[in-house]
């Protein structure tokens, strides 16, 4: 089991102009100080401390704080997403904007990932399979990259991804934490029903059959 760090400062929201602005230096630190355990890739949390497991550890390091002042409105209350959550917007790898509001009212799968996270890369075809099968049934699938635009763009030249992608940047770890990711690991998936209630959370790599089973339970 991963050792947990003290809870950082309350999560900061990613504004339309701030989303996807993770500094290259922060991402290099993330990539260089990560360790795998059980299909989960543990990187740095907001204050630059490395997450460790009983079997693997990473040396502490400092990382620049790229987040904005925290917002007063909570993103989630008792597993129910609030209006503040659906107001989140992110830059996209293609230069546009991704608003979470487009998924409001739909059952939704949100996946937090990064190009420097091997389990994230491995599961991407599984997520795309789910997208192809369930988007025609009314589902929304959103990937939020804890990464910068350049590596994500390069990744997309090699791997076909049909669902919506947003650049959450280094601050995306705080959004993931608000949704229940206490350890700071990746990948992290959240499945939400059409009423905006979180129904499933998964730390570590998932696969199509697992996601499809959850989706059928939600209906």
N, C-alpha and C. Protein backbone atom coordinates (compact mmCIF):
# COMPACT_ATOMS: atom_id res chain seq x y z
N UNK A 1 0.84 -1.20 0.00
CA UNK A 1 0.00 0.00 0.00
C UNK A 1 0.87 1.25 0.00
N UNK A 2 0.49 2.27 -0.78
CA UNK A 2 1.32 3.48 -0.80
C UNK A 2 1.23 4.25 0.49
N UNK A 3 2.36 4.82 0.89
CA UNK A 3 2.33 5.72 2.03
C UNK A 3 1.69 7.01 1.60
N UNK A 4 0.87 7.58 2.45
CA UNK A 4 0.16 8.81 2.09
C UNK A 4 0.83 10.01 2.71
N UNK A 5 0.88 11.07 1.96
CA UNK A 5 1.43 12.32 2.45
C UNK A 5 0.34 13.13 3.12
N UNK A 6 0.72 14.08 3.98
CA UNK A 6 -0.30 14.96 4.57
C UNK A 6 -1.07 15.67 3.49
N UNK A 7 -2.35 15.92 3.74
CA UNK A 7 -3.19 16.61 2.76
C UNK A 7 -2.63 17.99 2.47
N UNK A 8 -2.44 18.32 1.18
CA UNK A 8 -1.91 19.64 0.84
C UNK A 8 -2.96 20.73 1.04
N UNK A 9 -2.55 21.96 0.70
CA UNK A 9 -3.47 23.08 0.74
C UNK A 9 -4.70 22.75 -0.08
N UNK A 10 -5.90 23.19 0.28
CA UNK A 10 -7.12 22.86 -0.47
C UNK A 10 -6.96 23.10 -1.95
N UNK A 11 -7.65 22.28 -2.79
CA UNK A 11 -7.43 22.32 -4.22
C UNK A 11 -7.70 23.67 -4.84
N UNK A 12 -6.87 23.98 -5.84
CA UNK A 12 -7.05 25.21 -6.60
C UNK A 12 -7.71 24.87 -7.91
N UNK A 13 -8.67 25.65 -8.33
CA UNK A 13 -9.36 25.41 -9.59
C UNK A 13 -8.48 25.83 -10.74
N UNK A 14 -8.67 25.18 -11.87
CA UNK A 14 -7.94 25.50 -13.08
C UNK A 14 -8.82 26.38 -13.94
N UNK A 15 -8.49 27.62 -14.13
CA UNK A 15 -9.30 28.52 -14.94
C UNK A 15 -9.01 28.29 -16.41
N UNK A 16 -9.81 28.89 -17.23
CA UNK A 16 -9.66 28.72 -18.68
C UNK A 16 -8.28 29.16 -19.14
N UNK A 17 -7.75 30.19 -18.53
CA UNK A 17 -6.44 30.67 -18.95
C UNK A 17 -5.30 29.93 -18.26
N UNK A 18 -5.60 29.29 -17.11
CA UNK A 18 -4.54 28.64 -16.35
C UNK A 18 -4.41 27.17 -16.67
N UNK A 19 -5.47 26.56 -17.24
CA UNK A 19 -5.43 25.14 -17.50
C UNK A 19 -4.34 24.81 -18.50
N UNK A 20 -3.67 23.70 -18.25
CA UNK A 20 -2.67 23.23 -19.19
C UNK A 20 -1.38 24.01 -19.17
N UNK A 21 -1.06 24.73 -18.09
CA UNK A 21 0.15 25.54 -18.09
C UNK A 21 1.22 24.95 -17.19
N UNK A 22 1.21 23.66 -16.99
CA UNK A 22 2.23 23.05 -16.16
C UNK A 22 3.60 23.37 -16.73
N UNK A 23 4.48 23.86 -15.91
CA UNK A 23 5.82 24.21 -16.36
C UNK A 23 6.63 22.99 -16.72
N UNK A 24 7.50 23.14 -17.69
CA UNK A 24 8.34 22.03 -18.10
C UNK A 24 9.21 21.52 -16.98
N UNK A 25 9.69 22.44 -16.12
CA UNK A 25 10.53 22.00 -15.02
C UNK A 25 9.77 21.12 -14.06
N UNK A 26 8.51 21.46 -13.79
CA UNK A 26 7.71 20.64 -12.88
C UNK A 26 7.47 19.27 -13.47
N UNK A 27 7.21 19.20 -14.77
CA UNK A 27 6.95 17.92 -15.40
C UNK A 27 8.20 17.05 -15.43
N UNK A 28 9.36 17.65 -15.62
CA UNK A 28 10.59 16.89 -15.59
C UNK A 28 10.81 16.29 -14.21
N UNK A 29 10.50 17.05 -13.18
CA UNK A 29 10.62 16.53 -11.83
C UNK A 29 9.66 15.38 -11.61
N UNK A 30 8.43 15.55 -12.11
CA UNK A 30 7.45 14.49 -11.99
C UNK A 30 7.94 13.22 -12.65
N UNK A 31 8.41 13.36 -13.87
CA UNK A 31 8.84 12.20 -14.63
C UNK A 31 10.05 11.54 -14.00
N UNK A 32 10.96 12.34 -13.48
CA UNK A 32 12.21 11.81 -12.96
C UNK A 32 12.10 11.19 -11.60
N UNK A 33 11.05 11.48 -10.86
CA UNK A 33 10.96 11.01 -9.49
C UNK A 33 9.75 10.12 -9.27
N UNK A 34 9.37 9.36 -10.28
CA UNK A 34 8.19 8.51 -10.17
C UNK A 34 8.59 7.07 -9.94
N UNK A 35 7.67 6.31 -9.34
CA UNK A 35 7.92 4.90 -9.09
C UNK A 35 6.64 4.13 -9.31
N UNK A 36 6.72 2.92 -9.85
CA UNK A 36 5.53 2.13 -10.13
C UNK A 36 5.28 1.13 -9.03
N UNK A 37 4.02 0.84 -8.81
CA UNK A 37 3.63 -0.20 -7.85
C UNK A 37 2.20 -0.59 -8.15
N UNK A 38 1.98 -1.88 -8.48
CA UNK A 38 0.63 -2.38 -8.69
C UNK A 38 -0.12 -1.67 -9.80
N UNK A 39 0.55 -1.26 -10.87
CA UNK A 39 -0.12 -0.61 -11.97
C UNK A 39 -0.43 0.85 -11.73
N UNK A 40 0.10 1.42 -10.66
CA UNK A 40 -0.11 2.84 -10.35
C UNK A 40 1.22 3.55 -10.42
N UNK A 41 1.24 4.73 -11.03
CA UNK A 41 2.46 5.51 -11.17
C UNK A 41 2.40 6.68 -10.20
N UNK A 42 3.31 6.67 -9.25
CA UNK A 42 3.29 7.70 -8.22
C UNK A 42 4.32 8.77 -8.53
N UNK A 43 3.85 10.02 -8.65
CA UNK A 43 4.74 11.13 -8.94
C UNK A 43 4.82 12.10 -7.79
N UNK A 44 4.97 13.36 -8.09
CA UNK A 44 5.06 14.39 -7.06
C UNK A 44 3.69 14.95 -6.75
N UNK A 45 3.51 15.34 -5.51
CA UNK A 45 2.31 16.09 -5.15
C UNK A 45 2.67 17.56 -5.12
N UNK A 46 1.72 18.36 -4.76
CA UNK A 46 1.82 19.81 -4.95
C UNK A 46 3.03 20.42 -4.27
N UNK A 47 3.40 19.92 -3.09
CA UNK A 47 4.49 20.54 -2.37
C UNK A 47 5.84 19.92 -2.71
N UNK A 48 5.88 19.08 -3.75
CA UNK A 48 7.15 18.58 -4.24
C UNK A 48 7.67 17.36 -3.51
N UNK A 49 6.90 16.75 -2.62
CA UNK A 49 7.36 15.55 -1.94
C UNK A 49 7.02 14.34 -2.77
N UNK A 50 7.89 13.33 -2.74
CA UNK A 50 7.66 12.14 -3.53
C UNK A 50 6.77 11.18 -2.77
N UNK A 51 5.82 10.55 -3.48
CA UNK A 51 4.99 9.52 -2.88
C UNK A 51 5.76 8.22 -2.94
N UNK A 52 5.74 7.44 -1.87
CA UNK A 52 6.49 6.19 -1.84
C UNK A 52 5.55 5.03 -1.58
N UNK A 53 6.03 3.82 -1.85
CA UNK A 53 5.32 2.61 -1.47
C UNK A 53 6.24 1.82 -0.55
N UNK A 54 5.73 0.70 -0.01
CA UNK A 54 6.56 -0.13 0.85
C UNK A 54 7.72 -0.75 0.08
N UNK A 55 7.52 -0.94 -1.23
CA UNK A 55 8.56 -1.58 -2.02
C UNK A 55 9.40 -0.60 -2.81
N UNK A 56 8.88 0.58 -3.12
CA UNK A 56 9.60 1.52 -3.97
C UNK A 56 9.49 2.91 -3.39
N UNK A 57 10.55 3.67 -3.52
CA UNK A 57 10.54 5.03 -2.98
C UNK A 57 11.25 5.96 -3.92
N UNK A 58 10.97 7.27 -3.78
CA UNK A 58 11.62 8.28 -4.60
C UNK A 58 12.12 9.37 -3.68
N UNK A 59 13.24 9.97 -4.04
CA UNK A 59 13.83 11.00 -3.19
C UNK A 59 12.99 12.25 -3.23
N UNK A 60 12.87 12.97 -2.10
CA UNK A 60 12.11 14.22 -2.09
C UNK A 60 12.76 15.25 -2.98
N UNK A 61 11.93 16.15 -3.50
CA UNK A 61 12.45 17.24 -4.32
C UNK A 61 11.46 18.37 -4.27
N UNK A 62 11.90 19.54 -4.66
CA UNK A 62 11.01 20.68 -4.70
C UNK A 62 10.52 20.90 -6.11
N UNK A 63 9.32 21.44 -6.24
CA UNK A 63 8.75 21.73 -7.55
C UNK A 63 8.02 23.05 -7.47
N UNK A 64 8.02 23.82 -8.54
CA UNK A 64 7.34 25.11 -8.50
C UNK A 64 5.85 24.96 -8.32
N UNK A 65 5.26 25.85 -7.56
CA UNK A 65 3.82 25.85 -7.35
C UNK A 65 3.18 26.63 -8.48
N UNK A 66 2.47 25.90 -9.37
CA UNK A 66 1.88 26.54 -10.54
C UNK A 66 0.38 26.75 -10.38
N UNK A 67 -0.14 26.49 -9.19
CA UNK A 67 -1.58 26.60 -9.01
C UNK A 67 -1.98 28.00 -8.62
N UNK A 68 -3.28 28.27 -8.75
CA UNK A 68 -3.83 29.58 -8.42
C UNK A 68 -4.38 29.54 -7.00
N UNK A 69 -4.74 30.69 -6.43
CA UNK A 69 -5.36 30.70 -5.10
C UNK A 69 -6.60 29.83 -5.10
N UNK A 70 -6.83 29.12 -4.00
CA UNK A 70 -7.94 28.18 -3.95
C UNK A 70 -9.28 28.91 -3.99
N UNK A 71 -10.26 28.24 -4.58
CA UNK A 71 -11.60 28.83 -4.69
C UNK A 71 -12.44 28.40 -3.50
N UNK A 72 -13.45 29.17 -3.18
CA UNK A 72 -14.27 28.88 -2.01
C UNK A 72 -15.32 27.83 -2.30
N UNK A 73 -15.79 27.75 -3.53
CA UNK A 73 -16.86 26.81 -3.87
C UNK A 73 -16.32 25.39 -3.95
N UNK A 74 -16.91 24.44 -3.22
CA UNK A 74 -16.46 23.05 -3.30
C UNK A 74 -16.83 22.43 -4.64
N UNK A 75 -16.02 21.49 -5.09
CA UNK A 75 -16.29 20.81 -6.35
C UNK A 75 -17.21 19.60 -6.17
N UNK A 76 -17.22 19.05 -4.97
CA UNK A 76 -18.00 17.84 -4.72
C UNK A 76 -18.46 17.84 -3.27
N UNK A 77 -19.67 17.37 -3.05
CA UNK A 77 -20.23 17.26 -1.71
C UNK A 77 -20.92 15.91 -1.58
N UNK A 78 -20.38 15.06 -0.72
CA UNK A 78 -20.93 13.72 -0.51
C UNK A 78 -21.12 12.99 -1.84
N UNK A 79 -20.06 12.96 -2.62
CA UNK A 79 -20.03 12.29 -3.93
C UNK A 79 -20.90 12.94 -4.99
N UNK A 80 -21.52 14.05 -4.69
CA UNK A 80 -22.34 14.77 -5.67
C UNK A 80 -21.54 15.95 -6.21
N UNK A 81 -21.33 15.99 -7.51
CA UNK A 81 -20.59 17.09 -8.12
C UNK A 81 -21.42 18.37 -8.08
N UNK A 82 -20.77 19.47 -7.83
CA UNK A 82 -21.45 20.75 -7.70
C UNK A 82 -21.36 21.55 -9.00
N UNK A 83 -22.05 22.67 -9.03
CA UNK A 83 -22.01 23.55 -10.20
C UNK A 83 -20.59 24.02 -10.47
N UNK A 84 -19.80 24.22 -9.41
CA UNK A 84 -18.42 24.68 -9.57
C UNK A 84 -17.58 23.67 -10.35
N UNK A 85 -17.86 22.39 -10.17
CA UNK A 85 -17.13 21.37 -10.92
C UNK A 85 -17.40 21.50 -12.41
N UNK A 86 -18.65 21.63 -12.78
CA UNK A 86 -19.02 21.67 -14.19
C UNK A 86 -18.59 22.96 -14.88
N UNK A 87 -18.18 23.95 -14.11
CA UNK A 87 -17.70 25.20 -14.69
C UNK A 87 -16.23 25.13 -15.11
N UNK A 88 -15.54 24.02 -14.80
CA UNK A 88 -14.12 23.90 -15.13
C UNK A 88 -13.92 23.88 -16.65
N UNK A 89 -12.89 24.57 -17.09
CA UNK A 89 -12.52 24.59 -18.51
C UNK A 89 -11.02 24.36 -18.65
N UNK A 90 -10.65 23.71 -19.74
CA UNK A 90 -9.25 23.36 -19.97
C UNK A 90 -8.87 23.65 -21.42
N UNK A 91 -7.63 24.02 -21.62
CA UNK A 91 -7.09 24.07 -22.97
C UNK A 91 -7.05 22.66 -23.53
N UNK A 92 -7.11 22.53 -24.85
CA UNK A 92 -7.00 21.22 -25.49
C UNK A 92 -5.72 21.15 -26.31
N UNK A 93 -5.25 19.95 -26.63
CA UNK A 93 -4.04 19.82 -27.44
C UNK A 93 -4.17 20.47 -28.81
N UNK A 94 -5.39 20.63 -29.30
CA UNK A 94 -5.61 21.23 -30.62
C UNK A 94 -5.74 22.75 -30.56
N UNK A 95 -5.64 23.32 -29.35
CA UNK A 95 -5.69 24.76 -29.21
C UNK A 95 -7.05 25.33 -28.88
N UNK A 96 -8.03 24.48 -28.68
CA UNK A 96 -9.37 24.96 -28.33
C UNK A 96 -9.60 24.93 -26.83
N UNK A 97 -10.87 24.87 -26.46
CA UNK A 97 -11.26 24.83 -25.06
C UNK A 97 -12.18 23.63 -24.82
N UNK A 98 -11.96 22.97 -23.71
CA UNK A 98 -12.82 21.87 -23.29
C UNK A 98 -13.53 22.30 -22.01
N UNK A 99 -14.84 22.35 -22.05
CA UNK A 99 -15.64 22.69 -20.88
C UNK A 99 -16.30 21.43 -20.34
N UNK A 100 -16.16 21.18 -19.05
CA UNK A 100 -16.80 20.01 -18.47
C UNK A 100 -18.32 20.11 -18.55
N UNK A 101 -18.83 21.32 -18.76
CA UNK A 101 -20.27 21.51 -18.85
C UNK A 101 -20.89 20.71 -20.00
N UNK A 102 -20.09 20.40 -21.02
CA UNK A 102 -20.63 19.65 -22.15
C UNK A 102 -21.02 18.23 -21.75
N UNK A 103 -20.46 17.76 -20.63
CA UNK A 103 -20.79 16.42 -20.15
C UNK A 103 -21.87 16.42 -19.08
N UNK A 104 -22.25 17.59 -18.61
CA UNK A 104 -23.25 17.66 -17.54
C UNK A 104 -24.58 17.07 -18.01
N UNK A 105 -25.18 16.24 -17.19
CA UNK A 105 -26.43 15.59 -17.56
C UNK A 105 -26.23 14.27 -18.28
N UNK A 106 -24.98 13.88 -18.51
CA UNK A 106 -24.67 12.60 -19.15
C UNK A 106 -23.88 11.72 -18.19
N UNK A 107 -24.04 10.40 -18.28
CA UNK A 107 -23.10 9.55 -17.55
C UNK A 107 -21.71 9.79 -18.15
N UNK A 108 -20.71 9.90 -17.29
CA UNK A 108 -19.40 10.38 -17.75
C UNK A 108 -18.26 9.58 -17.12
N UNK A 109 -17.26 9.30 -17.93
CA UNK A 109 -16.00 8.73 -17.45
C UNK A 109 -14.93 9.80 -17.57
N UNK A 110 -14.27 10.12 -16.45
CA UNK A 110 -13.15 11.06 -16.46
C UNK A 110 -11.90 10.32 -16.04
N UNK A 111 -10.86 10.44 -16.84
CA UNK A 111 -9.60 9.75 -16.58
C UNK A 111 -8.47 10.76 -16.47
N UNK A 112 -7.72 10.71 -15.38
CA UNK A 112 -6.53 11.54 -15.19
C UNK A 112 -5.32 10.71 -15.60
N UNK A 113 -4.48 11.27 -16.45
CA UNK A 113 -3.38 10.51 -17.02
C UNK A 113 -2.20 11.44 -17.32
N UNK A 114 -1.11 10.85 -17.82
CA UNK A 114 0.05 11.64 -18.25
C UNK A 114 0.89 10.80 -19.20
N UNK A 115 1.60 11.45 -20.08
CA UNK A 115 2.44 10.74 -21.04
C UNK A 115 3.62 10.07 -20.36
N UNK A 116 4.04 10.58 -19.19
CA UNK A 116 5.19 10.02 -18.47
C UNK A 116 4.79 8.88 -17.53
N UNK A 117 3.53 8.49 -17.58
CA UNK A 117 2.98 7.44 -16.71
C UNK A 117 2.74 6.17 -17.54
N UNK A 118 3.60 5.15 -17.44
CA UNK A 118 3.45 3.94 -18.27
C UNK A 118 2.08 3.27 -18.16
N UNK A 119 1.51 3.09 -16.95
CA UNK A 119 0.18 2.47 -16.91
C UNK A 119 -0.89 3.30 -17.62
N UNK A 120 -0.72 4.63 -17.59
CA UNK A 120 -1.68 5.50 -18.29
C UNK A 120 -1.63 5.26 -19.79
N UNK A 121 -0.41 5.19 -20.30
CA UNK A 121 -0.22 4.98 -21.74
C UNK A 121 -0.77 3.61 -22.14
N UNK A 122 -0.52 2.61 -21.31
CA UNK A 122 -0.96 1.25 -21.62
C UNK A 122 -2.48 1.14 -21.67
N UNK A 123 -3.19 1.86 -20.79
CA UNK A 123 -4.64 1.73 -20.74
C UNK A 123 -5.36 2.61 -21.76
N UNK A 124 -4.66 3.50 -22.45
CA UNK A 124 -5.33 4.43 -23.35
C UNK A 124 -6.18 3.73 -24.41
N UNK A 125 -5.70 2.65 -25.04
CA UNK A 125 -6.57 1.96 -26.01
C UNK A 125 -7.84 1.39 -25.36
N UNK A 126 -7.76 1.00 -24.08
CA UNK A 126 -8.94 0.49 -23.39
C UNK A 126 -9.98 1.60 -23.20
N UNK A 127 -9.49 2.79 -22.86
CA UNK A 127 -10.39 3.93 -22.71
C UNK A 127 -11.03 4.30 -24.04
N UNK A 128 -10.23 4.24 -25.10
CA UNK A 128 -10.76 4.58 -26.42
C UNK A 128 -11.78 3.55 -26.87
N UNK A 129 -11.55 2.29 -26.51
CA UNK A 129 -12.53 1.24 -26.80
C UNK A 129 -13.85 1.55 -26.10
N UNK A 130 -13.77 1.94 -24.84
CA UNK A 130 -14.98 2.31 -24.10
C UNK A 130 -15.68 3.49 -24.77
N UNK A 131 -14.89 4.47 -25.19
CA UNK A 131 -15.45 5.63 -25.89
C UNK A 131 -16.22 5.21 -27.14
N UNK A 132 -15.64 4.34 -27.94
CA UNK A 132 -16.29 3.92 -29.19
C UNK A 132 -17.58 3.16 -28.92
N UNK A 133 -17.60 2.37 -27.86
CA UNK A 133 -18.77 1.55 -27.57
C UNK A 133 -19.88 2.32 -26.86
N UNK A 134 -19.51 3.25 -25.98
CA UNK A 134 -20.51 3.85 -25.10
C UNK A 134 -20.88 5.29 -25.43
N UNK A 135 -20.06 6.01 -26.16
CA UNK A 135 -20.46 7.36 -26.56
C UNK A 135 -21.74 7.34 -27.39
N UNK A 136 -21.92 6.38 -28.32
CA UNK A 136 -23.19 6.32 -29.05
C UNK A 136 -24.39 6.03 -28.15
N UNK A 137 -24.13 5.54 -26.94
CA UNK A 137 -25.20 5.24 -25.99
C UNK A 137 -25.46 6.40 -25.03
N UNK A 138 -24.83 7.54 -25.31
CA UNK A 138 -25.09 8.73 -24.50
C UNK A 138 -24.04 9.07 -23.47
N UNK A 139 -22.94 8.32 -23.44
CA UNK A 139 -21.88 8.58 -22.48
C UNK A 139 -20.93 9.67 -22.97
N UNK A 140 -20.29 10.34 -22.01
CA UNK A 140 -19.19 11.27 -22.30
C UNK A 140 -17.92 10.68 -21.71
N UNK A 141 -16.82 10.81 -22.44
CA UNK A 141 -15.52 10.33 -21.97
C UNK A 141 -14.54 11.49 -22.07
N UNK A 142 -13.87 11.79 -20.97
CA UNK A 142 -12.95 12.93 -20.92
C UNK A 142 -11.63 12.48 -20.30
N UNK A 143 -10.54 12.81 -20.95
CA UNK A 143 -9.21 12.56 -20.41
C UNK A 143 -8.57 13.88 -20.01
N UNK A 144 -8.08 13.97 -18.79
CA UNK A 144 -7.41 15.18 -18.30
C UNK A 144 -5.94 14.86 -18.07
N UNK A 145 -5.09 15.49 -18.86
CA UNK A 145 -3.66 15.20 -18.82
C UNK A 145 -2.95 16.03 -17.77
N UNK A 146 -2.26 15.36 -16.86
CA UNK A 146 -1.40 16.03 -15.88
C UNK A 146 -0.06 16.20 -16.59
N UNK A 147 -0.05 17.08 -17.54
CA UNK A 147 1.05 17.14 -18.50
C UNK A 147 1.01 18.47 -19.24
N UNK A 148 2.05 18.73 -20.02
CA UNK A 148 2.10 19.93 -20.83
C UNK A 148 1.65 19.66 -22.25
N UNK A 149 1.41 20.71 -23.03
CA UNK A 149 0.87 20.53 -24.38
C UNK A 149 1.81 19.81 -25.33
N UNK A 150 3.11 20.07 -25.25
CA UNK A 150 4.04 19.48 -26.21
C UNK A 150 4.10 17.96 -26.12
N UNK A 151 4.32 17.36 -24.94
CA UNK A 151 4.34 15.90 -24.89
C UNK A 151 3.01 15.26 -25.24
N UNK A 152 1.91 15.92 -24.91
CA UNK A 152 0.60 15.36 -25.25
C UNK A 152 0.40 15.37 -26.76
N UNK A 153 0.78 16.47 -27.40
CA UNK A 153 0.66 16.53 -28.86
C UNK A 153 1.52 15.46 -29.52
N UNK A 154 2.72 15.26 -29.02
CA UNK A 154 3.60 14.23 -29.58
C UNK A 154 3.00 12.84 -29.37
N UNK A 155 2.42 12.62 -28.21
CA UNK A 155 1.78 11.33 -27.91
C UNK A 155 0.65 11.05 -28.89
N UNK A 156 -0.14 12.06 -29.20
CA UNK A 156 -1.29 11.88 -30.08
C UNK A 156 -0.91 11.62 -31.53
N UNK A 157 0.34 11.89 -31.89
CA UNK A 157 0.80 11.53 -33.24
C UNK A 157 1.09 10.03 -33.35
N UNK A 158 1.19 9.37 -32.19
CA UNK A 158 1.52 7.95 -32.17
C UNK A 158 0.35 7.07 -31.74
N UNK A 159 -0.54 7.63 -30.93
CA UNK A 159 -1.66 6.86 -30.39
C UNK A 159 -2.97 7.55 -30.74
N UNK A 160 -3.87 6.82 -31.36
CA UNK A 160 -5.17 7.39 -31.74
C UNK A 160 -6.08 7.47 -30.52
N UNK A 161 -6.59 8.67 -30.26
CA UNK A 161 -7.51 8.89 -29.14
C UNK A 161 -8.71 9.66 -29.68
N UNK A 162 -9.89 9.07 -29.59
CA UNK A 162 -11.08 9.70 -30.15
C UNK A 162 -11.89 10.53 -29.18
N UNK A 163 -11.65 10.38 -27.88
CA UNK A 163 -12.44 11.12 -26.89
C UNK A 163 -11.80 12.46 -26.56
N UNK A 164 -12.54 13.30 -25.86
CA UNK A 164 -12.07 14.65 -25.53
C UNK A 164 -10.90 14.62 -24.55
N UNK A 165 -9.90 15.45 -24.84
CA UNK A 165 -8.74 15.57 -23.96
C UNK A 165 -8.56 17.02 -23.53
N UNK A 166 -8.28 17.21 -22.26
CA UNK A 166 -7.98 18.54 -21.73
C UNK A 166 -6.62 18.54 -21.08
N UNK A 167 -5.95 19.69 -21.11
CA UNK A 167 -4.64 19.84 -20.50
C UNK A 167 -4.82 20.43 -19.10
N UNK A 168 -4.82 19.56 -18.11
CA UNK A 168 -5.03 20.00 -16.73
C UNK A 168 -3.74 20.52 -16.10
N UNK A 169 -2.60 20.16 -16.66
CA UNK A 169 -1.33 20.64 -16.12
C UNK A 169 -1.04 20.08 -14.74
N UNK A 170 0.00 20.62 -14.11
CA UNK A 170 0.43 20.15 -12.80
C UNK A 170 -0.68 20.32 -11.77
N UNK A 171 -1.47 21.37 -11.89
CA UNK A 171 -2.55 21.61 -10.95
C UNK A 171 -3.68 20.61 -11.05
N UNK A 172 -3.70 19.79 -12.11
CA UNK A 172 -4.74 18.79 -12.24
C UNK A 172 -4.73 17.76 -11.13
N UNK A 173 -3.58 17.59 -10.46
CA UNK A 173 -3.53 16.66 -9.34
C UNK A 173 -4.46 17.12 -8.22
N UNK A 174 -4.64 18.43 -8.10
CA UNK A 174 -5.53 18.95 -7.06
C UNK A 174 -6.99 18.67 -7.39
N UNK A 175 -7.34 18.74 -8.67
CA UNK A 175 -8.69 18.41 -9.09
C UNK A 175 -8.96 16.93 -8.85
N UNK A 176 -7.96 16.09 -9.18
CA UNK A 176 -8.10 14.65 -8.94
C UNK A 176 -8.28 14.37 -7.46
N UNK A 177 -7.54 15.09 -6.63
CA UNK A 177 -7.66 14.90 -5.18
C UNK A 177 -9.06 15.25 -4.70
N UNK A 178 -9.63 16.31 -5.25
CA UNK A 178 -10.98 16.71 -4.86
C UNK A 178 -11.99 15.61 -5.19
N UNK A 179 -11.69 14.82 -6.21
CA UNK A 179 -12.58 13.74 -6.63
C UNK A 179 -12.29 12.43 -5.91
N UNK A 180 -11.31 12.44 -4.99
CA UNK A 180 -11.06 11.25 -4.18
C UNK A 180 -9.71 10.60 -4.34
N UNK A 181 -8.82 11.19 -5.13
CA UNK A 181 -7.48 10.63 -5.31
C UNK A 181 -6.58 11.14 -4.18
N UNK A 182 -6.54 10.41 -3.07
CA UNK A 182 -5.79 10.85 -1.90
C UNK A 182 -4.29 10.60 -2.03
N UNK A 183 -3.90 9.60 -2.81
CA UNK A 183 -2.49 9.21 -2.86
C UNK A 183 -1.68 9.98 -3.90
N UNK A 184 -2.36 10.58 -4.87
CA UNK A 184 -1.66 11.31 -5.92
C UNK A 184 -1.16 10.45 -7.05
N UNK A 185 -1.60 9.18 -7.12
CA UNK A 185 -1.14 8.29 -8.17
C UNK A 185 -1.91 8.47 -9.47
N UNK A 186 -1.34 7.94 -10.54
CA UNK A 186 -1.96 7.91 -11.86
C UNK A 186 -1.79 6.51 -12.43
N UNK A 187 -2.71 6.08 -13.30
CA UNK A 187 -3.94 6.78 -13.72
C UNK A 187 -5.01 6.72 -12.63
N UNK A 188 -5.97 7.62 -12.75
CA UNK A 188 -7.08 7.69 -11.81
C UNK A 188 -8.35 7.94 -12.62
N UNK A 189 -9.32 7.07 -12.45
CA UNK A 189 -10.56 7.17 -13.22
C UNK A 189 -11.76 7.35 -12.30
N UNK A 190 -12.70 8.16 -12.75
CA UNK A 190 -13.93 8.43 -12.00
C UNK A 190 -15.11 8.24 -12.94
N UNK A 191 -16.09 7.47 -12.51
CA UNK A 191 -17.29 7.27 -13.31
C UNK A 191 -18.46 7.95 -12.61
N UNK A 192 -19.18 8.77 -13.35
CA UNK A 192 -20.22 9.64 -12.82
C UNK A 192 -21.54 9.32 -13.52
N UNK A 193 -22.63 9.29 -12.77
CA UNK A 193 -23.92 9.03 -13.41
C UNK A 193 -24.51 10.32 -13.98
N UNK A 194 -25.65 10.21 -14.63
CA UNK A 194 -26.24 11.36 -15.32
C UNK A 194 -26.70 12.45 -14.37
N UNK A 195 -26.84 12.13 -13.09
CA UNK A 195 -27.24 13.12 -12.09
C UNK A 195 -26.04 13.80 -11.43
N UNK A 196 -24.85 13.44 -11.89
CA UNK A 196 -23.65 14.08 -11.36
C UNK A 196 -23.12 13.46 -10.08
N UNK A 197 -23.49 12.23 -9.80
CA UNK A 197 -22.99 11.56 -8.60
C UNK A 197 -21.86 10.61 -8.97
N UNK A 198 -20.77 10.65 -8.21
CA UNK A 198 -19.65 9.75 -8.44
C UNK A 198 -20.07 8.34 -8.00
N UNK A 199 -19.99 7.40 -8.94
CA UNK A 199 -20.42 6.03 -8.67
C UNK A 199 -19.25 5.07 -8.53
N UNK A 200 -18.17 5.34 -9.22
CA UNK A 200 -17.00 4.46 -9.15
C UNK A 200 -15.73 5.29 -9.22
N UNK A 201 -14.72 4.85 -8.48
CA UNK A 201 -13.38 5.42 -8.56
C UNK A 201 -12.39 4.28 -8.75
N UNK A 202 -11.36 4.50 -9.54
CA UNK A 202 -10.35 3.46 -9.75
C UNK A 202 -8.96 4.09 -9.76
N UNK A 203 -8.13 3.67 -8.81
CA UNK A 203 -6.73 4.06 -8.81
C UNK A 203 -5.94 2.96 -9.50
N UNK A 204 -5.21 3.31 -10.54
CA UNK A 204 -4.48 2.32 -11.31
C UNK A 204 -5.16 2.05 -12.63
N UNK A 205 -4.47 1.27 -13.45
CA UNK A 205 -4.96 1.01 -14.81
C UNK A 205 -6.27 0.23 -14.79
N UNK A 206 -7.16 0.63 -15.67
CA UNK A 206 -8.43 -0.07 -15.84
C UNK A 206 -8.44 -0.73 -17.22
N UNK A 207 -9.55 -1.36 -17.56
CA UNK A 207 -9.67 -2.00 -18.87
C UNK A 207 -11.13 -1.94 -19.31
N UNK A 208 -11.36 -2.26 -20.57
CA UNK A 208 -12.69 -2.09 -21.16
C UNK A 208 -13.76 -2.85 -20.40
N UNK A 209 -13.51 -4.12 -20.09
CA UNK A 209 -14.56 -4.94 -19.46
C UNK A 209 -14.95 -4.39 -18.10
N UNK A 210 -13.98 -3.91 -17.35
CA UNK A 210 -14.29 -3.32 -16.05
C UNK A 210 -15.15 -2.07 -16.21
N UNK A 211 -14.75 -1.21 -17.13
CA UNK A 211 -15.50 0.02 -17.37
C UNK A 211 -16.90 -0.28 -17.89
N UNK A 212 -17.00 -1.24 -18.80
CA UNK A 212 -18.30 -1.59 -19.37
C UNK A 212 -19.24 -2.15 -18.30
N UNK A 213 -18.69 -2.95 -17.38
CA UNK A 213 -19.51 -3.49 -16.29
C UNK A 213 -20.06 -2.37 -15.43
N UNK A 214 -19.21 -1.42 -15.07
CA UNK A 214 -19.67 -0.28 -14.27
C UNK A 214 -20.73 0.52 -15.02
N UNK A 215 -20.49 0.74 -16.31
CA UNK A 215 -21.42 1.54 -17.10
C UNK A 215 -22.79 0.88 -17.17
N UNK A 216 -22.81 -0.44 -17.31
CA UNK A 216 -24.10 -1.15 -17.37
C UNK A 216 -24.82 -1.09 -16.03
N UNK A 217 -24.06 -1.07 -14.95
CA UNK A 217 -24.67 -0.95 -13.62
C UNK A 217 -25.34 0.42 -13.46
N UNK A 218 -24.68 1.43 -14.01
CA UNK A 218 -25.23 2.79 -13.92
C UNK A 218 -26.44 2.94 -14.82
N UNK A 219 -26.37 2.30 -16.01
CA UNK A 219 -27.49 2.35 -16.94
C UNK A 219 -27.46 3.55 -17.85
